[in-house]
């Protein structure tokens, strides 16, 4: 586990067209013979060097800022292939840690929770929102007759993670397990945003808890989520089936 690092956001940054534009503008200013043009005007001829100095200064500023922005993009650029590989590695780290205790994993799923951070990003692939920030992993497993649910915040670029949620309850005390939906409104610092969220809810004799599994409203604004939602519902439905089977076997 590690201290929070926000470098995952660089994966979601698009090509720095503004930086390239600034570089081009800077080059134009540097090569532009402004002093020569100014000298054609007799009343400005004595100040031609001032105009040359100004255009050089402006050119250097544009060139420096644009070059810096462009270089940062390429230095911190992460390809989808590397991102997917890192994601797989960090998930395997977590599952290895869970299984080390002899626990039986019921299932896992990734969860997009934009309301948990002051910023969020979504990246599409062929019109489908495949990647999002922040990224959470939920692991459900049984251990000693208990259902355990762990929630992890993933730092994919650095292949690290931290536990941000933990639920445990005796399987024998579970009354029902199912899917629910709710709408959340949160503040990003610049605007209020609404999120429609599907939850995995567990009701027990002593209370209940729910875990976010899929956000619909924001993701759908970036692309088609139909297939993603079907995959998620199918995966969670299988987890519920396994959990209820485990409960039935213990009764």
Protein backbone atom coordinates (compact mmCIF):
# COMPACT_ATOMS: atom_id res chain seq x y z
CA UNK A 1 0.00 0.00 0.00
CA UNK A 2 1.16 3.52 -0.59
CA UNK A 3 0.56 7.18 -0.04
CA UNK A 4 -1.85 8.70 -2.57
CA UNK A 5 -0.31 9.67 -5.92
CA UNK A 6 -2.38 11.43 -8.54
CA UNK A 7 -0.18 10.75 -11.58
CA UNK A 8 -2.86 8.44 -13.06
CA UNK A 9 -4.52 11.58 -14.43
CA UNK A 10 -1.76 11.89 -17.05
CA UNK A 11 -3.13 8.80 -18.80
CA UNK A 12 -6.33 10.72 -19.50
CA UNK A 13 -4.73 13.88 -20.88
CA UNK A 14 -5.12 14.38 -24.61
CA UNK A 15 -2.38 15.41 -27.00
CA UNK A 16 -1.19 18.95 -26.04
CA UNK A 17 -2.29 20.81 -29.17
CA UNK A 18 -2.15 24.10 -27.26
CA UNK A 19 1.48 23.42 -26.37
CA UNK A 20 2.40 22.68 -30.00
CA UNK A 21 0.56 25.84 -31.07
CA UNK A 22 2.54 27.89 -28.56
CA UNK A 23 5.79 26.42 -29.90
CA UNK A 24 4.85 27.38 -33.48
CA UNK A 25 3.84 30.88 -32.43
CA UNK A 26 7.11 31.26 -30.53
CA UNK A 27 9.13 30.19 -33.59
CA UNK A 28 7.23 32.67 -35.78
CA UNK A 29 8.00 35.51 -33.36
CA UNK A 30 11.69 34.57 -33.21
CA UNK A 31 12.21 34.46 -36.97
CA UNK A 32 9.99 37.44 -37.75
CA UNK A 33 12.20 40.42 -38.76
CA UNK A 34 9.95 42.86 -36.96
CA UNK A 35 12.74 45.43 -36.49
CA UNK A 36 13.30 45.55 -40.25
CA UNK A 37 9.63 46.18 -40.92
CA UNK A 38 9.45 48.87 -38.25
CA UNK A 39 12.51 50.64 -39.66
CA UNK A 40 10.52 51.43 -42.84
CA UNK A 41 8.62 53.96 -40.75
CA UNK A 42 10.91 56.92 -40.15
CA UNK A 43 9.26 57.95 -36.88
CA UNK A 44 9.82 54.43 -35.48
CA UNK A 45 13.21 53.67 -37.04
CA UNK A 46 15.09 54.72 -33.91
CA UNK A 47 13.08 52.24 -31.84
CA UNK A 48 13.45 49.24 -34.15
CA UNK A 49 15.73 47.50 -31.62
CA UNK A 50 12.98 47.82 -28.98
CA UNK A 51 10.51 46.01 -31.22
CA UNK A 52 13.12 43.33 -31.94
CA UNK A 53 13.69 42.85 -28.22
CA UNK A 54 9.97 42.63 -27.49
CA UNK A 55 9.24 40.13 -30.25
CA UNK A 56 12.23 38.01 -29.15
CA UNK A 57 11.04 38.08 -25.54
CA UNK A 58 7.48 37.12 -26.51
CA UNK A 59 8.81 34.39 -28.81
CA UNK A 60 10.99 32.89 -26.07
CA UNK A 61 8.06 32.90 -23.61
CA UNK A 62 5.71 31.14 -26.04
CA UNK A 63 8.40 28.68 -27.09
CA UNK A 64 9.36 27.86 -23.49
CA UNK A 65 5.81 27.34 -22.24
CA UNK A 66 4.79 25.30 -25.27
CA UNK A 67 7.90 23.14 -25.16
CA UNK A 68 7.45 22.48 -21.45
CA UNK A 69 3.81 21.43 -21.86
CA UNK A 70 4.65 19.17 -24.81
CA UNK A 71 7.66 17.58 -23.10
CA UNK A 72 5.66 16.88 -19.93
CA UNK A 73 3.05 15.09 -22.00
CA UNK A 74 5.58 12.78 -23.64
CA UNK A 75 7.55 12.22 -20.41
CA UNK A 76 4.42 11.21 -18.49
CA UNK A 77 2.55 9.59 -21.36
CA UNK A 78 1.23 6.09 -20.60
CA UNK A 79 -0.06 3.92 -23.43
CA UNK A 80 -3.25 1.87 -23.09
CA UNK A 81 -1.16 -1.30 -23.31
CA UNK A 82 1.03 -0.26 -20.35
CA UNK A 83 -2.00 0.98 -18.42
CA UNK A 84 -3.81 -2.36 -18.87
CA UNK A 85 -0.67 -4.28 -17.89
CA UNK A 86 -0.21 -2.18 -14.74
CA UNK A 87 -3.88 -2.60 -13.85
CA UNK A 88 -3.61 -6.36 -14.15
CA UNK A 89 -0.45 -6.37 -12.01
CA UNK A 90 -1.96 -4.34 -9.17
CA UNK A 91 -5.15 -6.46 -9.17
CA UNK A 92 -3.03 -9.61 -8.96
CA UNK A 93 -1.10 -8.10 -6.04
CA UNK A 94 -4.34 -7.53 -4.15
CA UNK A 95 -5.77 -10.98 -4.90
CA UNK A 96 -2.51 -12.64 -3.86
CA UNK A 97 -2.68 -10.78 -0.55
CA UNK A 98 -6.30 -11.85 0.01
CA UNK A 99 -5.71 -15.51 -0.92
CA UNK A 100 -2.64 -15.73 1.31
CA UNK A 101 -4.99 -16.11 4.30
CA UNK A 102 -6.79 -19.04 2.70
CA UNK A 103 -9.86 -16.98 1.84
CA UNK A 104 -12.21 -17.98 -0.98
CA UNK A 105 -12.71 -15.12 -3.47
CA UNK A 106 -16.28 -14.76 -4.70
CA UNK A 107 -15.50 -12.09 -7.26
CA UNK A 108 -14.05 -8.67 -8.04
CA UNK A 109 -15.10 -5.63 -10.02
CA UNK A 110 -13.79 -2.15 -10.82
CA UNK A 111 -15.80 0.81 -9.61
CA UNK A 112 -15.86 4.42 -10.86
CA UNK A 113 -16.61 6.87 -8.03
CA UNK A 114 -16.23 10.45 -9.27
CA UNK A 115 -17.79 11.87 -6.11
CA UNK A 116 -14.85 10.61 -4.03
CA UNK A 117 -12.36 12.97 -5.66
CA UNK A 118 -12.20 16.64 -6.53
CA UNK A 119 -11.64 15.66 -10.16
CA UNK A 120 -12.51 12.80 -12.47
CA UNK A 121 -11.59 11.67 -15.98
CA UNK A 122 -13.04 9.21 -18.47
CA UNK A 123 -11.33 7.84 -21.57
CA UNK A 124 -13.13 6.00 -24.35
CA UNK A 125 -12.00 3.24 -26.66
CA UNK A 126 -13.97 2.79 -29.89
CA UNK A 127 -16.83 4.83 -28.45
CA UNK A 128 -16.96 2.89 -25.18
CA UNK A 129 -15.80 4.49 -21.87
CA UNK A 130 -13.26 1.82 -20.89
CA UNK A 131 -11.05 3.79 -18.48
CA UNK A 132 -11.83 6.15 -15.62
CA UNK A 133 -10.20 8.05 -12.78
CA UNK A 134 -10.42 7.56 -9.85
CA UNK A 135 -10.46 3.75 -10.11
CA UNK A 136 -11.56 1.50 -7.25
CA UNK A 137 -11.37 -2.28 -6.99
CA UNK A 138 -13.91 -4.19 -4.89
CA UNK A 139 -13.03 -7.71 -3.72
CA UNK A 140 -15.64 -9.98 -2.12
CA UNK A 141 -14.52 -13.15 -0.36
CA UNK A 142 -15.48 -15.53 2.41
CA UNK A 143 -13.32 -16.14 5.43
CA UNK A 144 -14.18 -18.11 8.57
CA UNK A 145 -17.92 -18.13 7.87
CA UNK A 146 -17.93 -14.37 7.17
CA UNK A 147 -18.51 -12.32 4.06
CA UNK A 148 -15.73 -9.78 3.69
CA UNK A 149 -15.83 -6.85 1.27
CA UNK A 150 -12.67 -4.82 0.72
CA UNK A 151 -12.52 -1.64 -1.34
CA UNK A 152 -9.22 -0.42 -2.77
CA UNK A 153 -8.23 2.86 -4.40
CA UNK A 154 -5.85 1.94 -7.23
CA UNK A 155 -2.81 3.95 -8.35
CA UNK A 156 -2.34 2.22 -11.66
CA UNK A 157 0.64 4.14 -13.02
CA UNK A 158 2.61 3.32 -9.87
CA UNK A 159 1.08 -0.16 -9.43
CA UNK A 160 0.14 0.59 -5.81
CA UNK A 161 -3.09 0.71 -3.84
CA UNK A 162 -4.68 1.58 -0.51
CA UNK A 163 -7.64 0.15 1.39
CA UNK A 164 -10.48 2.69 1.59
CA UNK A 165 -13.37 0.47 2.66
CA UNK A 166 -13.91 -2.69 4.69
CA UNK A 167 -17.10 -4.58 5.52
CA UNK A 168 -17.46 -7.91 7.31
CA UNK A 169 -20.57 -9.83 8.41
CA UNK A 170 -21.43 -13.45 9.28
CA UNK A 171 -22.91 -15.17 6.26
CA UNK A 172 -25.49 -16.84 8.50
CA UNK A 173 -26.90 -13.42 9.46
CA UNK A 174 -27.41 -12.20 5.91
CA UNK A 175 -31.10 -11.58 5.20
CA UNK A 176 -30.87 -10.52 1.55
CA UNK A 177 -28.41 -9.52 -1.13
CA UNK A 178 -29.26 -7.52 -4.24
CA UNK A 179 -28.81 -4.51 -6.48
CA UNK A 180 -30.15 -1.03 -5.75
CA UNK A 181 -29.81 2.32 -7.49
CA UNK A 182 -29.47 5.86 -6.19
CA UNK A 183 -28.60 9.28 -7.57
CA UNK A 184 -25.84 11.34 -5.97
CA UNK A 185 -25.10 15.02 -6.42
CA UNK A 186 -21.59 16.20 -5.62
CA UNK A 187 -19.42 19.29 -6.01
CA UNK A 188 -16.26 19.17 -8.11
CA UNK A 189 -15.13 22.59 -6.92
CA UNK A 190 -16.31 24.30 -10.11
CA UNK A 191 -19.79 22.84 -10.58
CA UNK A 192 -22.40 20.49 -9.16
CA UNK A 193 -22.56 17.14 -10.93
CA UNK A 194 -25.11 14.33 -10.75
CA UNK A 195 -24.20 10.65 -10.78
CA UNK A 196 -26.60 7.71 -11.10
CA UNK A 197 -25.07 4.77 -9.24
CA UNK A 198 -25.89 1.07 -9.00
CA UNK A 199 -25.06 -0.46 -5.61
CA UNK A 200 -24.41 -3.95 -4.30
CA UNK A 201 -26.47 -4.04 -1.09
CA UNK A 202 -26.28 -6.55 1.74
CA UNK A 203 -28.97 -6.61 4.44
CA UNK A 204 -28.25 -8.44 7.67
CA UNK A 205 -30.10 -9.02 10.91
CA UNK A 206 -28.12 -6.18 12.46
CA UNK A 207 -28.22 -3.63 9.65
CA UNK A 208 -27.10 -3.17 6.06
CA UNK A 209 -24.34 -1.80 3.88
CA UNK A 210 -23.96 -1.09 0.19
CA UNK A 211 -21.03 -0.80 -2.17
CA UNK A 212 -21.02 1.28 -5.40
CA UNK A 213 -20.54 -0.94 -8.44
CA UNK A 214 -21.40 1.09 -11.55
CA UNK A 215 -21.92 4.77 -12.37
CA UNK A 216 -24.25 5.38 -15.29
CA UNK A 217 -24.99 9.08 -15.76
CA UNK A 218 -21.46 10.45 -16.19
CA UNK A 219 -20.08 7.45 -18.08
CA UNK A 220 -22.97 7.50 -20.58
CA UNK A 221 -22.13 11.11 -21.46
CA UNK A 222 -18.80 9.85 -22.84
CA UNK A 223 -20.02 6.90 -24.89
CA UNK A 224 -22.15 3.76 -25.06
CA UNK A 225 -22.26 1.96 -21.70
CA UNK A 226 -24.74 -0.75 -22.66
CA UNK A 227 -22.21 -3.56 -22.97
CA UNK A 228 -20.27 -2.41 -19.89
CA UNK A 229 -23.40 -2.37 -17.76
CA UNK A 230 -24.45 -5.82 -18.95
CA UNK A 231 -20.98 -7.19 -18.12
CA UNK A 232 -21.05 -5.62 -14.66
CA UNK A 233 -24.58 -6.77 -13.81
CA UNK A 234 -23.72 -10.29 -15.01
CA UNK A 235 -20.56 -10.36 -12.88
CA UNK A 236 -22.31 -9.08 -9.75
CA UNK A 237 -25.26 -11.42 -10.28
CA UNK A 238 -22.83 -14.35 -10.31
CA UNK A 239 -21.27 -13.08 -7.08
CA UNK A 240 -24.72 -12.88 -5.49
CA UNK A 241 -25.52 -16.41 -6.65
CA UNK A 242 -22.27 -17.76 -5.19
CA UNK A 243 -22.87 -15.91 -1.93
CA UNK A 244 -26.43 -17.21 -1.57
CA UNK A 245 -25.22 -20.74 -2.37
CA UNK A 246 -22.60 -20.39 0.33
CA UNK A 247 -25.24 -19.17 2.76
CA UNK A 248 -27.55 -22.09 1.88
CA UNK A 249 -24.77 -24.60 2.42
CA UNK A 250 -24.19 -23.29 5.94
CA UNK A 251 -27.84 -23.42 7.00
